[in-house]
PDB file of N, CA and C in Angstrom:
ATOM      1  N   MET A   1     -43.034 -24.977   1.834  1.00  0.00           N
ATOM      2  CA  MET A   1     -42.600 -23.881   0.688  1.00  0.00           C
ATOM      3  C   MET A   1     -41.754 -22.780   1.319  1.00  0.00           C
ATOM      4  N   GLU A   2     -42.310 -22.415   2.718  1.00  0.00           N
ATOM      5  CA  GLU A   2     -41.228 -21.511   3.315  1.00  0.00           C
ATOM      6  C   GLU A   2     -39.854 -21.942   3.829  1.00  0.00           C
ATOM      7  N   ASN A   3     -39.969 -23.305   4.010  1.00  0.00           N
ATOM      8  CA  ASN A   3     -38.674 -23.548   4.295  1.00  0.00           C
ATOM      9  C   ASN A   3     -37.733 -23.874   3.022  1.00  0.00           C
ATOM     10  N   LYS A   4     -38.075 -24.000   2.148  1.00  0.00           N
ATOM     11  CA  LYS A   4     -37.182 -23.786   0.825  1.00  0.00           C
ATOM     12  C   LYS A   4     -36.867 -22.433   0.615  1.00  0.00           C
ATOM     13  N   ASN A   5     -37.575 -21.480   0.898  1.00  0.00           N
ATOM     14  CA  ASN A   5     -37.147 -20.062   0.748  1.00  0.00           C
ATOM     15  C   ASN A   5     -35.994 -19.950   1.794  1.00  0.00           C
ATOM     16  N   ASP A   6     -36.316 -20.361   2.943  1.00  0.00           N
ATOM     17  CA  ASP A   6     -35.321 -19.996   4.059  1.00  0.00           C
ATOM     18  C   ASP A   6     -33.861 -20.685   3.729  1.00  0.00           C
ATOM     19  N   ILE A   7     -34.116 -21.897   3.131  1.00  0.00           N
ATOM     20  CA  ILE A   7     -32.745 -22.328   2.867  1.00  0.00           C
ATOM     21  C   ILE A   7     -32.200 -21.764   1.738  1.00  0.00           C
ATOM     22  N   SER A   8     -32.702 -21.234   0.476  1.00  0.00           N
ATOM     23  CA  SER A   8     -32.200 -20.360  -0.298  1.00  0.00           C
ATOM     24  C   SER A   8     -31.657 -19.093   0.175  1.00  0.00           C
ATOM     25  N   GLU A   9     -32.372 -18.388   1.040  1.00  0.00           N
ATOM     26  CA  GLU A   9     -31.909 -17.280   1.793  1.00  0.00           C
ATOM     27  C   GLU A   9     -30.540 -17.582   2.402  1.00  0.00           C
ATOM     28  N   LEU A  10     -30.575 -18.773   3.063  1.00  0.00           N
ATOM     29  CA  LEU A  10     -29.282 -19.039   3.955  1.00  0.00           C
ATOM     30  C   LEU A  10     -28.214 -19.118   2.718  1.00  0.00           C
ATOM     31  N   VAL A  11     -28.384 -20.187   1.778  1.00  0.00           N
ATOM     32  CA  VAL A  11     -27.338 -20.164   0.984  1.00  0.00           C
ATOM     33  C   VAL A  11     -26.757 -18.923   0.351  1.00  0.00           C
ATOM     34  N   GLN A  12     -27.829 -17.882   0.083  1.00  0.00           N
ATOM     35  CA  GLN A  12     -27.346 -16.543  -0.643  1.00  0.00           C
ATOM     36  C   GLN A  12     -26.375 -15.947   0.379  1.00  0.00           C
ATOM     37  N   VAL A  13     -26.732 -15.655   1.694  1.00  0.00           N
ATOM     38  CA  VAL A  13     -26.245 -15.177   2.633  1.00  0.00           C
ATOM     39  C   VAL A  13     -24.663 -15.778   2.830  1.00  0.00           C
ATOM     40  N   MET A  14     -24.571 -17.218   2.863  1.00  0.00           N
ATOM     41  CA  MET A  14     -23.288 -17.732   2.659  1.00  0.00           C
ATOM     42  C   MET A  14     -22.308 -17.533   1.648  1.00  0.00           C
ATOM     43  N   LYS A  15     -23.114 -17.342   0.661  1.00  0.00           N
ATOM     44  CA  LYS A  15     -22.012 -16.992  -0.635  1.00  0.00           C
ATOM     45  C   LYS A  15     -21.768 -15.540  -0.355  1.00  0.00           C
ATOM     46  N   GLU A  16     -22.449 -14.662  -0.049  1.00  0.00           N
ATOM     47  CA  GLU A  16     -22.106 -13.225   0.310  1.00  0.00           C
ATOM     48  C   GLU A  16     -20.975 -13.226   1.396  1.00  0.00           C
ATOM     49  N   ILE A  17     -20.970 -13.931   2.349  1.00  0.00           N
ATOM     50  CA  ILE A  17     -20.035 -14.074   3.525  1.00  0.00           C
ATOM     51  C   ILE A  17     -18.670 -14.629   2.871  1.00  0.00           C
ATOM     52  N   ARG A  18     -18.650 -15.857   2.011  1.00  0.00           N
ATOM     53  CA  ARG A  18     -17.541 -16.116   1.231  1.00  0.00           C
ATOM     54  C   ARG A  18     -16.932 -14.986   0.422  1.00  0.00           C
ATOM     55  N   ASP A  19     -17.684 -14.517  -0.444  1.00  0.00           N
ATOM     56  CA  ASP A  19     -17.151 -13.506  -1.132  1.00  0.00           C
ATOM     57  C   ASP A  19     -16.554 -12.210  -0.530  1.00  0.00           C
ATOM     58  N   CYS A  20     -17.104 -11.917   0.653  1.00  0.00           N
ATOM     59  CA  CYS A  20     -16.275 -11.013   1.382  1.00  0.00           C
ATOM     60  C   CYS A  20     -15.198 -11.634   2.174  1.00  0.00           C
ATOM     61  N   LEU A  21     -15.166 -12.697   2.506  1.00  0.00           N
ATOM     62  CA  LEU A  21     -13.708 -13.347   3.079  1.00  0.00           C
ATOM     63  C   LEU A  21     -12.915 -13.594   2.098  1.00  0.00           C
ATOM     64  N   VAL A  22     -13.066 -13.793   0.761  1.00  0.00           N
ATOM     65  CA  VAL A  22     -12.261 -13.914  -0.356  1.00  0.00           C
ATOM     66  C   VAL A  22     -11.666 -12.208  -0.542  1.00  0.00           C
ATOM     67  N   GLN A  23     -12.504 -11.294  -0.516  1.00  0.00           N
ATOM     68  CA  GLN A  23     -12.161 -10.053  -0.680  1.00  0.00           C
ATOM     69  C   GLN A  23     -11.049  -9.367   0.412  1.00  0.00           C
ATOM     70  N   LEU A  24     -11.526 -10.064   1.468  1.00  0.00           N
ATOM     71  CA  LEU A  24     -10.477  -9.555   2.622  1.00  0.00           C
ATOM     72  C   LEU A  24      -9.189 -10.242   2.622  1.00  0.00           C
ATOM     73  N   VAL A  25      -9.290 -11.306   2.111  1.00  0.00           N
ATOM     74  CA  VAL A  25      -7.864 -12.154   2.106  1.00  0.00           C
ATOM     75  C   VAL A  25      -7.060 -11.531   0.943  1.00  0.00           C
ATOM     76  N   ASP A  26      -7.532 -11.155  -0.133  1.00  0.00           N
ATOM     77  CA  ASP A  26      -7.158 -10.478  -1.360  1.00  0.00           C
ATOM     78  C   ASP A  26      -6.356  -8.945  -0.785  1.00  0.00           C
ATOM     79  N   TYR A  27      -7.164  -8.382  -0.075  1.00  0.00           N
ATOM     80  CA  TYR A  27      -6.870  -6.932   0.474  1.00  0.00           C
ATOM     81  C   TYR A  27      -5.653  -7.356   1.457  1.00  0.00           C
ATOM     82  N   LYS A  28      -5.731  -8.260   2.459  1.00  0.00           N
ATOM     83  CA  LYS A  28      -4.295  -8.528   3.276  1.00  0.00           C
ATOM     84  C   LYS A  28      -3.259  -8.958   2.703  1.00  0.00           C
ATOM     85  N   HIS A  29      -3.324  -9.485   1.489  1.00  0.00           N
ATOM     86  CA  HIS A  29      -2.264  -9.953   0.734  1.00  0.00           C
ATOM     87  C   HIS A  29      -1.336  -8.844  -0.213  1.00  0.00           C
ATOM     88  N   LYS A  30      -2.375  -8.028  -0.633  1.00  0.00           N
ATOM     89  CA  LYS A  30      -2.036  -6.808  -1.403  1.00  0.00           C
ATOM     90  C   LYS A  30      -1.188  -5.711  -0.323  1.00  0.00           C
ATOM     91  N   GLU A  31      -1.845  -5.758   0.997  1.00  0.00           N
ATOM     92  CA  GLU A  31      -1.478  -4.988   1.974  1.00  0.00           C
ATOM     93  C   GLU A  31       0.121  -5.264   2.486  1.00  0.00           C
ATOM     94  N   ASP A  32       0.338  -6.574   2.456  1.00  0.00           N
ATOM     95  CA  ASP A  32       1.768  -7.105   2.837  1.00  0.00           C
ATOM     96  C   ASP A  32       2.630  -7.185   1.635  1.00  0.00           C
ATOM     97  N   GLU A  33       2.247  -6.750   0.489  1.00  0.00           N
ATOM     98  CA  GLU A  33       3.266  -6.876  -0.598  1.00  0.00           C
ATOM     99  C   GLU A  33       4.301  -5.717  -0.370  1.00  0.00           C
ATOM    100  N   ILE A  34       5.649  -5.696  -0.976  1.00  0.00           N
ATOM    101  CA  ILE A  34       6.637  -4.889  -0.857  1.00  0.00           C
ATOM    102  C   ILE A  34       6.487  -4.076  -2.271  1.00  0.00           C
ATOM    103  N   SER A  35       6.364  -2.711  -2.008  1.00  0.00           N
ATOM    104  CA  SER A  35       6.540  -2.023  -3.214  1.00  0.00           C
ATOM    105  C   SER A  35       7.188  -0.655  -3.289  1.00  0.00           C
ATOM    106  N   PHE A  36       8.088  -0.607  -4.113  1.00  0.00           N
ATOM    107  CA  PHE A  36       9.040   0.619  -4.138  1.00  0.00           C
ATOM    108  C   PHE A  36       8.585   1.726  -5.232  1.00  0.00           C
ATOM    109  N   ILE A  37       8.982   2.936  -4.579  1.00  0.00           N
ATOM    110  CA  ILE A  37       8.455   4.392  -5.347  1.00  0.00           C
ATOM    111  C   ILE A  37       9.905   4.705  -5.854  1.00  0.00           C
ATOM    112  N   PRO A  38      10.337   4.743  -7.193  1.00  0.00           N
ATOM    113  CA  PRO A  38      11.403   5.206  -7.745  1.00  0.00           C
ATOM    114  C   PRO A  38      11.609   6.582  -7.541  1.00  0.00           C
ATOM    115  N   ARG A  39      12.733   7.186  -7.634  1.00  0.00           N
ATOM    116  CA  ARG A  39      13.030   8.453  -7.316  1.00  0.00           C
ATOM    117  C   ARG A  39      12.306   9.620  -7.987  1.00  0.00           C
ATOM    118  N   LYS A  40      12.042   9.297  -9.142  1.00  0.00           N
ATOM    119  CA  LYS A  40      11.402  10.301 -10.355  1.00  0.00           C
ATOM    120  C   LYS A  40       9.858  10.573  -9.761  1.00  0.00           C
ATOM    121  N   GLU A  41       9.455   9.353  -9.240  1.00  0.00           N
ATOM    122  CA  GLU A  41       8.045   9.509  -8.598  1.00  0.00           C
ATOM    123  C   GLU A  41       8.031  10.457  -7.459  1.00  0.00           C
ATOM    124  N   ILE A  42       8.877  10.226  -6.654  1.00  0.00           N
ATOM    125  CA  ILE A  42       9.081  11.155  -5.389  1.00  0.00           C
ATOM    126  C   ILE A  42       8.978  12.502  -5.823  1.00  0.00           C
ATOM    127  N   LYS A  43       9.634  12.865  -6.897  1.00  0.00           N
ATOM    128  CA  LYS A  43       9.556  14.200  -7.409  1.00  0.00           C
ATOM    129  C   LYS A  43       8.121  14.437  -7.633  1.00  0.00           C
ATOM    130  N   SER A  44       7.444  13.943  -8.256  1.00  0.00           N
ATOM    131  CA  SER A  44       6.163  14.403  -8.429  1.00  0.00           C
ATOM    132  C   SER A  44       5.299  14.266  -7.528  1.00  0.00           C
ATOM    133  N   ILE A  45       5.271  13.416  -6.515  1.00  0.00           N
ATOM    134  CA  ILE A  45       4.642  13.337  -5.444  1.00  0.00           C
ATOM    135  C   ILE A  45       4.859  14.560  -4.735  1.00  0.00           C
ATOM    136  N   PHE A  46       5.980  14.793  -4.137  1.00  0.00           N
ATOM    137  CA  PHE A  46       6.360  16.277  -3.512  1.00  0.00           C
ATOM    138  C   PHE A  46       6.350  17.382  -4.210  1.00  0.00           C
ATOM    139  N   ASN A  47       6.213  17.172  -5.469  1.00  0.00           N
ATOM    140  CA  ASN A  47       6.086  18.410  -6.526  1.00  0.00           C
ATOM    141  C   ASN A  47       7.285  19.380  -6.028  1.00  0.00           C
ATOM    142  N   CYS A  48       8.472  18.776  -6.459  1.00  0.00           N
ATOM    143  CA  CYS A  48       9.758  19.562  -6.233  1.00  0.00           C
ATOM    144  C   CYS A  48      10.628  19.252  -7.258  1.00  0.00           C
ATOM    145  N   THR A  49      11.941  20.073  -6.939  1.00  0.00           N
ATOM    146  CA  THR A  49      13.002  20.118  -8.078  1.00  0.00           C
ATOM    147  C   THR A  49      13.734  18.812  -8.058  1.00  0.00           C
ATOM    148  N   ASP A  50      14.703  18.523  -8.932  1.00  0.00           N
ATOM    149  CA  ASP A  50      15.572  17.466  -8.923  1.00  0.00           C
ATOM    150  C   ASP A  50      16.353  17.718  -7.625  1.00  0.00           C
ATOM    151  N   THR A  51      16.882  18.882  -7.229  1.00  0.00           N
ATOM    152  CA  THR A  51      17.815  19.316  -6.390  1.00  0.00           C
ATOM    153  C   THR A  51      17.395  18.843  -5.065  1.00  0.00           C
ATOM    154  N   THR A  52      15.903  19.303  -4.929  1.00  0.00           N
ATOM    155  CA  THR A  52      15.528  18.961  -3.356  1.00  0.00           C
ATOM    156  C   THR A  52      14.968  17.412  -3.320  1.00  0.00           C
ATOM    157  N   VAL A  53      15.040  16.783  -4.346  1.00  0.00           N
ATOM    158  CA  VAL A  53      14.957  15.102  -4.300  1.00  0.00           C
ATOM    159  C   VAL A  53      16.156  14.460  -3.797  1.00  0.00           C
ATOM    160  N   ALA A  54      17.136  15.110  -4.629  1.00  0.00           N
ATOM    161  CA  ALA A  54      18.504  14.817  -4.293  1.00  0.00           C
ATOM    162  C   ALA A  54      18.996  14.870  -2.865  1.00  0.00           C
ATOM    163  N   LYS A  55      18.492  16.103  -2.245  1.00  0.00           N
ATOM    164  CA  LYS A  55      18.761  16.249  -1.045  1.00  0.00           C
ATOM    165  C   LYS A  55      18.117  15.358   0.003  1.00  0.00           C
ATOM    166  N   ILE A  56      16.804  15.210  -0.376  1.00  0.00           N
ATOM    167  CA  ILE A  56      16.037  14.155   0.448  1.00  0.00           C
ATOM    168  C   ILE A  56      16.564  12.782   0.393  1.00  0.00           C
ATOM    169  N   PHE A  57      17.063  12.370  -0.813  1.00  0.00           N
ATOM    170  CA  PHE A  57      17.359  11.043  -0.779  1.00  0.00           C
ATOM    171  C   PHE A  57      18.906  10.709  -0.355  1.00  0.00           C
ATOM    172  N   ASN A  58      19.463  12.191  -0.055  1.00  0.00           N
ATOM    173  CA  ASN A  58      20.952  11.982   0.553  1.00  0.00           C
ATOM    174  C   ASN A  58      21.088  12.108   2.110  1.00  0.00           C
ATOM    175  N   ARG A  59      19.633  12.114   2.684  1.00  0.00           N
ATOM    176  CA  ARG A  59      19.583  12.437   4.097  1.00  0.00           C
ATOM    177  C   ARG A  59      19.876  11.251   4.734  1.00  0.00           C
ATOM    178  N   GLU A  60      20.582  11.039   5.708  1.00  0.00           N
ATOM    179  CA  GLU A  60      20.840  10.159   6.465  1.00  0.00           C
ATOM    180  C   GLU A  60      19.749   9.345   7.022  1.00  0.00           C
ATOM    181  N   ASP A  61      18.789   9.946   7.382  1.00  0.00           N
ATOM    182  CA  ASP A  61      17.843   9.478   7.973  1.00  0.00           C
ATOM    183  C   ASP A  61      16.382   8.964   6.985  1.00  0.00           C
ATOM    184  N   PHE A  62      16.652   9.141   5.806  1.00  0.00           N
ATOM    185  CA  PHE A  62      15.764   8.852   4.554  1.00  0.00           C
ATOM    186  C   PHE A  62      16.074   7.347   4.215  1.00  0.00           C
ATOM    187  N   PRO A  63      15.058   6.662   4.387  1.00  0.00           N
ATOM    188  CA  PRO A  63      14.945   5.112   3.962  1.00  0.00           C
ATOM    189  C   PRO A  63      15.330   4.587   2.576  1.00  0.00           C
ATOM    190  N   ALA A  64      15.982   5.426   1.764  1.00  0.00           N
ATOM    191  CA  ALA A  64      16.425   4.984   0.280  1.00  0.00           C
ATOM    192  C   ALA A  64      17.214   3.622   0.138  1.00  0.00           C
ATOM    193  N   ILE A  65      16.912   3.134  -1.210  1.00  0.00           N
ATOM    194  CA  ILE A  65      17.851   1.937  -1.129  1.00  0.00           C
ATOM    195  C   ILE A  65      18.271   2.177  -2.841  1.00  0.00           C
ATOM    196  N   MET A  66      19.314   1.443  -3.184  1.00  0.00           N
ATOM    197  CA  MET A  66      19.623   1.406  -4.524  1.00  0.00           C
ATOM    198  C   MET A  66      19.550  -0.032  -5.148  1.00  0.00           C
ATOM    199  N   ILE A  67      18.532  -0.173  -5.833  1.00  0.00           N
ATOM    200  CA  ILE A  67      18.485  -1.472  -7.034  1.00  0.00           C
ATOM    201  C   ILE A  67      18.280  -0.979  -8.126  1.00  0.00           C
ATOM    202  N   GLY A  68      19.449  -0.707  -9.021  1.00  0.00           N
ATOM    203  CA  GLY A  68      19.471  -0.299 -10.184  1.00  0.00           C
ATOM    204  C   GLY A  68      19.381   1.291 -10.242  1.00  0.00           C
ATOM    205  N   GLU A  69      18.455   1.860  -9.336  1.00  0.00           N
ATOM    206  CA  GLU A  69      18.286   3.127  -9.289  1.00  0.00           C
ATOM    207  C   GLU A  69      17.876   3.504  -7.771  1.00  0.00           C
ATOM    208  N   HIS A  70      17.878   4.840  -7.436  1.00  0.00           N
ATOM    209  CA  HIS A  70      17.383   4.909  -6.106  1.00  0.00           C
ATOM    210  C   HIS A  70      15.925   4.869  -5.938  1.00  0.00           C
ATOM    211  N   LYS A  71      15.419   4.282  -4.773  1.00  0.00           N
ATOM    212  CA  LYS A  71      14.028   3.842  -4.542  1.00  0.00           C
ATOM    213  C   LYS A  71      13.800   3.778  -3.374  1.00  0.00           C
ATOM    214  N   VAL A  72      12.548   4.259  -2.867  1.00  0.00           N
ATOM    215  CA  VAL A  72      12.216   3.879  -1.482  1.00  0.00           C
ATOM    216  C   VAL A  72      11.093   3.116  -1.242  1.00  0.00           C
ATOM    217  N   GLU A  73      11.195   2.306  -0.131  1.00  0.00           N
ATOM    218  CA  GLU A  73       9.680   1.406  -0.146  1.00  0.00           C
ATOM    219  C   GLU A  73       8.720   2.174   0.365  1.00  0.00           C
ATOM    220  N   LYS A  74       7.583   1.766   0.012  1.00  0.00           N
ATOM    221  CA  LYS A  74       6.426   2.751   0.346  1.00  0.00           C
ATOM    222  C   LYS A  74       6.226   2.932   1.970  1.00  0.00           C
ATOM    223  N   THR A  75       5.998   1.905   2.381  1.00  0.00           N
ATOM    224  CA  THR A  75       5.655   1.875   3.931  1.00  0.00           C
ATOM    225  C   THR A  75       6.752   2.571   4.804  1.00  0.00           C
ATOM    226  N   ALA A  76       8.028   2.305   4.435  1.00  0.00           N
ATOM    227  CA  ALA A  76       9.069   3.173   5.080  1.00  0.00           C
ATOM    228  C   ALA A  76       8.918   4.649   4.921  1.00  0.00           C
ATOM    229  N   LEU A  77       8.466   5.063   3.488  1.00  0.00           N
ATOM    230  CA  LEU A  77       8.248   6.323   3.354  1.00  0.00           C
ATOM    231  C   LEU A  77       7.199   6.861   3.893  1.00  0.00           C
ATOM    232  N   LYS A  78       6.213   6.210   4.094  1.00  0.00           N
ATOM    233  CA  LYS A  78       4.884   6.466   5.018  1.00  0.00           C
ATOM    234  C   LYS A  78       5.455   6.724   6.448  1.00  0.00           C
ATOM    235  N   LYS A  79       6.108   5.986   6.892  1.00  0.00           N
ATOM    236  CA  LYS A  79       6.571   6.030   8.405  1.00  0.00           C
ATOM    237  C   LYS A  79       7.649   7.007   8.434  1.00  0.00           C
ATOM    238  N   TRP A  80       8.562   7.207   7.496  1.00  0.00           N
ATOM    239  CA  TRP A  80       9.497   8.245   7.470  1.00  0.00           C
ATOM    240  C   TRP A  80       8.609   9.934   7.423  1.00  0.00           C
ATOM    241  N   LEU A  81       7.753   9.946   6.649  1.00  0.00           N
ATOM    242  CA  LEU A  81       7.078  11.038   6.648  1.00  0.00           C
ATOM    243  C   LEU A  81       6.153  11.653   7.818  1.00  0.00           C
ATOM    244  N   GLN A  82       5.817  10.647   8.895  1.00  0.00           N
ATOM    245  CA  GLN A  82       5.042  10.718   9.936  1.00  0.00           C
ATOM    246  C   GLN A  82       5.975  11.137  11.155  1.00  0.00           C
ATOM    247  N   GLU A  83       7.395  11.047  10.946  1.00  0.00           N
ATOM    248  CA  GLU A  83       8.084  11.501  12.175  1.00  0.00           C
ATOM    249  C   GLU A  83       8.419  13.042  11.915  1.00  0.00           C
ATOM    250  N   ARG A  84       8.809  13.629  12.994  1.00  0.00           N
ATOM    251  CA  ARG A  84       8.906  15.111  12.968  1.00  0.00           C
ATOM    252  C   ARG A  84      10.290  15.289  12.969  1.00  0.00           C
ATOM    253  N   ARG A  85      10.845  16.414  11.981  1.00  0.00           N
ATOM    254  CA  ARG A  85      12.342  16.333  11.946  1.00  0.00           C
ATOM    255  C   ARG A  85      12.441  17.685  11.627  1.00  0.00           C
ATOM    256  N   THR A  86      13.864  18.246  11.768  1.00  0.00           N
ATOM    257  CA  THR A  86      14.255  19.586  11.239  1.00  0.00           C
ATOM    258  C   THR A  86      14.940  19.615  10.172  1.00  0.00           C
TER     259      THR A  86
END
C-alpha cells in the first residue's frame, strides 16, 4: 500500500513541476512581447503637462516612434529612464 502512495505523490509532484514550467514559458513569452506606450499615457505616468510631454518626445535621445501617433516602446523607455542626463 505504501508503494501506491509513493507513486501517487510522485505523480502529483510531477504535475506541479509541469504547471510551474508552463507558467515560466508563458511568463518568458510575455516578457519578449513588444508593447508600446502612447504619448497620452506618458503624460499620466509622469504626471506632467502636454507641453512637458511634447518636450520629452522632441528630445533627440528619447526613443519615440511614430506609428499613427507618437509612441515609445516600453523597454526602450525603461532603458532611457535609467540613464543619467541633463
